[in-house]
């Protein structure tokens, strides 16, 4: 394994995940990895497969070039900068709530909508 590449991908993934306000477990679930494997990836102890890297870039909204450290924004080790995920007007908490709401059945989703409507008054 190329250790430098593993560290580059891991640091870029962690910075993007934190920018989006997600936990390691949430990202791991979304890209189809178990949490311990994703944790190793973020620590630079392993390289993702190409399909996993593709899903990771999509979920974290980071270009493959930035994830691989091929752009000035992607080289988080040398410049101490986070990769620049695509701009999104939603706050991390709203994205997290949306992710959780998508898992609810119709009855629970209706209850959540009712609670949200009451809270918004």
C-alpha atoms as a PDB file:
ATOM      1  CA  UNK A   1       0.000   0.000   0.000  1.00  0.00           C
ATOM      2  CA  UNK A   2       1.148   3.530  -0.761  1.00  0.00           C
ATOM      3  CA  UNK A   3       1.194   5.038   2.756  1.00  0.00           C
ATOM      4  CA  UNK A   4       1.381   8.647   1.557  1.00  0.00           C
ATOM      5  CA  UNK A   5      -1.688   8.175  -0.646  1.00  0.00           C
ATOM      6  CA  UNK A   6      -3.557   6.476   2.206  1.00  0.00           C
ATOM      7  CA  UNK A   7      -2.827   9.397   4.513  1.00  0.00           C
ATOM      8  CA  UNK A   8      -3.843  11.917   1.832  1.00  0.00           C
ATOM      9  CA  UNK A   9      -7.182  10.192   1.193  1.00  0.00           C
ATOM     10  CA  UNK A  10      -7.815   9.697   4.901  1.00  0.00           C
ATOM     11  CA  UNK A  11      -7.164  13.312   5.801  1.00  0.00           C
ATOM     12  CA  UNK A  12      -9.271  14.600   2.920  1.00  0.00           C
ATOM     13  CA  UNK A  13     -12.136  12.257   3.867  1.00  0.00           C
ATOM     14  CA  UNK A  14     -12.018  13.293   7.518  1.00  0.00           C
ATOM     15  CA  UNK A  15     -11.935  17.026   6.704  1.00  0.00           C
ATOM     16  CA  UNK A  16     -14.862  16.719   4.288  1.00  0.00           C
ATOM     17  CA  UNK A  17     -16.858  14.531   6.690  1.00  0.00           C
ATOM     18  CA  UNK A  18     -16.364  16.995   9.544  1.00  0.00           C
ATOM     19  CA  UNK A  19     -17.274  19.893   7.242  1.00  0.00           C
ATOM     20  CA  UNK A  20     -20.575  18.133   6.501  1.00  0.00           C
ATOM     21  CA  UNK A  21     -21.196  17.400  10.191  1.00  0.00           C
ATOM     22  CA  UNK A  22     -21.327  13.629   9.715  1.00  0.00           C
ATOM     23  CA  UNK A  23     -20.023  10.843  11.913  1.00  0.00           C
ATOM     24  CA  UNK A  24     -17.732   8.089  10.692  1.00  0.00           C
ATOM     25  CA  UNK A  25     -20.555   5.593  11.211  1.00  0.00           C
ATOM     26  CA  UNK A  26     -22.926   7.627   9.032  1.00  0.00           C
ATOM     27  CA  UNK A  27     -20.440   7.888   6.173  1.00  0.00           C
ATOM     28  CA  UNK A  28     -19.528   4.216   6.463  1.00  0.00           C
ATOM     29  CA  UNK A  29     -23.198   3.215   6.216  1.00  0.00           C
ATOM     30  CA  UNK A  30     -23.831   5.511   3.265  1.00  0.00           C
ATOM     31  CA  UNK A  31     -20.921   4.141   1.225  1.00  0.00           C
ATOM     32  CA  UNK A  32     -21.454   0.500   2.160  1.00  0.00           C
ATOM     33  CA  UNK A  33     -18.526  -0.091   4.514  1.00  0.00           C
ATOM     34  CA  UNK A  34     -18.522  -1.248   8.112  1.00  0.00           C
ATOM     35  CA  UNK A  35     -17.482   1.411  10.616  1.00  0.00           C
ATOM     36  CA  UNK A  36     -14.111  -0.153  11.615  1.00  0.00           C
ATOM     37  CA  UNK A  37     -13.063  -0.366   7.956  1.00  0.00           C
ATOM     38  CA  UNK A  38     -14.024   3.247   7.313  1.00  0.00           C
ATOM     39  CA  UNK A  39     -12.140   4.291  10.443  1.00  0.00           C
ATOM     40  CA  UNK A  40      -8.992   2.594   9.126  1.00  0.00           C
ATOM     41  CA  UNK A  41      -9.464   4.417   5.817  1.00  0.00           C
ATOM     42  CA  UNK A  42      -9.627   7.815   7.559  1.00  0.00           C
ATOM     43  CA  UNK A  43      -6.513   6.990   9.593  1.00  0.00           C
ATOM     44  CA  UNK A  44      -4.652   6.255   6.360  1.00  0.00           C
ATOM     45  CA  UNK A  45      -4.180   2.582   7.227  1.00  0.00           C
ATOM     46  CA  UNK A  46      -5.840   1.311   4.048  1.00  0.00           C
ATOM     47  CA  UNK A  47      -6.746   2.413   0.549  1.00  0.00           C
ATOM     48  CA  UNK A  48     -10.354   2.250  -0.653  1.00  0.00           C
ATOM     49  CA  UNK A  49     -11.334   0.207  -3.677  1.00  0.00           C
ATOM     50  CA  UNK A  50     -12.216   2.231  -6.762  1.00  0.00           C
ATOM     51  CA  UNK A  51     -15.991   1.734  -6.250  1.00  0.00           C
ATOM     52  CA  UNK A  52     -15.641   2.741  -2.578  1.00  0.00           C
ATOM     53  CA  UNK A  53     -13.599   5.815  -3.523  1.00  0.00           C
ATOM     54  CA  UNK A  54     -16.289   6.768  -6.045  1.00  0.00           C
ATOM     55  CA  UNK A  55     -19.068   6.470  -3.436  1.00  0.00           C
ATOM     56  CA  UNK A  56     -16.930   8.311  -0.878  1.00  0.00           C
ATOM     57  CA  UNK A  57     -16.394  11.240  -3.248  1.00  0.00           C
ATOM     58  CA  UNK A  58     -20.122  11.394  -3.986  1.00  0.00           C
ATOM     59  CA  UNK A  59     -21.208  11.269  -0.331  1.00  0.00           C
ATOM     60  CA  UNK A  60     -18.632  13.765   0.883  1.00  0.00           C
ATOM     61  CA  UNK A  61     -19.082  16.026  -2.167  1.00  0.00           C
ATOM     62  CA  UNK A  62     -15.382  16.078  -2.937  1.00  0.00           C
ATOM     63  CA  UNK A  63     -13.862  15.661  -6.384  1.00  0.00           C
ATOM     64  CA  UNK A  64     -11.694  12.588  -6.917  1.00  0.00           C
ATOM     65  CA  UNK A  65      -8.813  14.921  -7.741  1.00  0.00           C
ATOM     66  CA  UNK A  66      -9.119  16.676  -4.380  1.00  0.00           C
ATOM     67  CA  UNK A  67      -9.532  13.361  -2.537  1.00  0.00           C
ATOM     68  CA  UNK A  68      -6.331  12.045  -4.137  1.00  0.00           C
ATOM     69  CA  UNK A  69      -4.417  15.254  -3.378  1.00  0.00           C
ATOM     70  CA  UNK A  70      -4.058  16.193  -7.034  1.00  0.00           C
ATOM     71  CA  UNK A  71      -5.311  19.752  -6.568  1.00  0.00           C
ATOM     72  CA  UNK A  72      -3.980  22.531  -4.319  1.00  0.00           C
ATOM     73  CA  UNK A  73      -7.226  22.320  -2.285  1.00  0.00           C
ATOM     74  CA  UNK A  74      -6.874  18.560  -1.945  1.00  0.00           C
ATOM     75  CA  UNK A  75      -3.389  18.577  -0.447  1.00  0.00           C
ATOM     76  CA  UNK A  76      -4.508  18.963   3.160  1.00  0.00           C
ATOM     77  CA  UNK A  77      -1.191  17.733   4.546  1.00  0.00           C
ATOM     78  CA  UNK A  78       1.018  20.385   2.955  1.00  0.00           C
ATOM     79  CA  UNK A  79      -1.255  23.403   3.228  1.00  0.00           C
ATOM     80  CA  UNK A  80      -3.306  22.502   6.305  1.00  0.00           C
ATOM     81  CA  UNK A  81      -6.467  23.261   4.364  1.00  0.00           C
ATOM     82  CA  UNK A  82      -9.643  21.264   4.135  1.00  0.00           C
ATOM     83  CA  UNK A  83     -10.794  20.021   0.746  1.00  0.00           C
ATOM     84  CA  UNK A  84     -13.503  22.222  -0.696  1.00  0.00           C
ATOM     85  CA  UNK A  85     -16.733  20.222  -0.832  1.00  0.00           C
ATOM     86  CA  UNK A  86     -19.301  21.583  -3.248  1.00  0.00           C
ATOM     87  CA  UNK A  87     -21.263  24.437  -1.749  1.00  0.00           C
ATOM     88  CA  UNK A  88     -24.541  23.356  -0.221  1.00  0.00           C
ATOM     89  CA  UNK A  89     -27.063  25.717   1.306  1.00  0.00           C
ATOM     90  CA  UNK A  90     -28.237  23.121   3.831  1.00  0.00           C
ATOM     91  CA  UNK A  91     -26.669  23.141   7.262  1.00  0.00           C
ATOM     92  CA  UNK A  92     -25.083  19.851   8.379  1.00  0.00           C
ATOM     93  CA  UNK A  93     -27.882  19.282  10.913  1.00  0.00           C
ATOM     94  CA  UNK A  94     -30.516  19.588   8.185  1.00  0.00           C
ATOM     95  CA  UNK A  95     -28.683  17.095   5.974  1.00  0.00           C
ATOM     96  CA  UNK A  96     -28.420  14.703   8.900  1.00  0.00           C
ATOM     97  CA  UNK A  97     -32.129  15.098   9.681  1.00  0.00           C
ATOM     98  CA  UNK A  98     -32.998  14.457   6.037  1.00  0.00           C
ATOM     99  CA  UNK A  99     -30.839  11.318   6.020  1.00  0.00           C
ATOM    100  CA  UNK A 100     -32.595  10.015   9.128  1.00  0.00           C
ATOM    101  CA  UNK A 101     -36.057  10.979   7.830  1.00  0.00           C
ATOM    102  CA  UNK A 102     -35.492   8.928   4.681  1.00  0.00           C
ATOM    103  CA  UNK A 103     -35.240   5.827   6.853  1.00  0.00           C
ATOM    104  CA  UNK A 104     -38.701   6.322   8.418  1.00  0.00           C
ATOM    105  CA  UNK A 105     -41.844   4.524   7.354  1.00  0.00           C
ATOM    106  CA  UNK A 106     -44.852   6.613   6.253  1.00  0.00           C
ATOM    107  CA  UNK A 107     -46.480   6.717   9.692  1.00  0.00           C
ATOM    108  CA  UNK A 108     -43.320   7.865  11.484  1.00  0.00           C
ATOM    109  CA  UNK A 109     -42.561  10.383   8.750  1.00  0.00           C
ATOM    110  CA  UNK A 110     -46.061  11.845   9.163  1.00  0.00           C
ATOM    111  CA  UNK A 111     -45.468  12.130  12.926  1.00  0.00           C
ATOM    112  CA  UNK A 112     -42.118  13.856  12.313  1.00  0.00           C
ATOM    113  CA  UNK A 113     -43.774  16.332   9.939  1.00  0.00           C
ATOM    114  CA  UNK A 114     -46.414  17.078  12.557  1.00  0.00           C
ATOM    115  CA  UNK A 115     -43.788  17.681  15.262  1.00  0.00           C
ATOM    116  CA  UNK A 116     -41.742  19.879  12.933  1.00  0.00           C
ATOM    117  CA  UNK A 117     -44.826  21.907  12.016  1.00  0.00           C
ATOM    118  CA  UNK A 118     -45.671  22.496  15.668  1.00  0.00           C
ATOM    119  CA  UNK A 119     -42.063  23.456  16.488  1.00  0.00           C
ATOM    120  CA  UNK A 120     -41.890  25.870  13.553  1.00  0.00           C
ATOM    121  CA  UNK A 121     -44.809  27.961  14.838  1.00  0.00           C
END
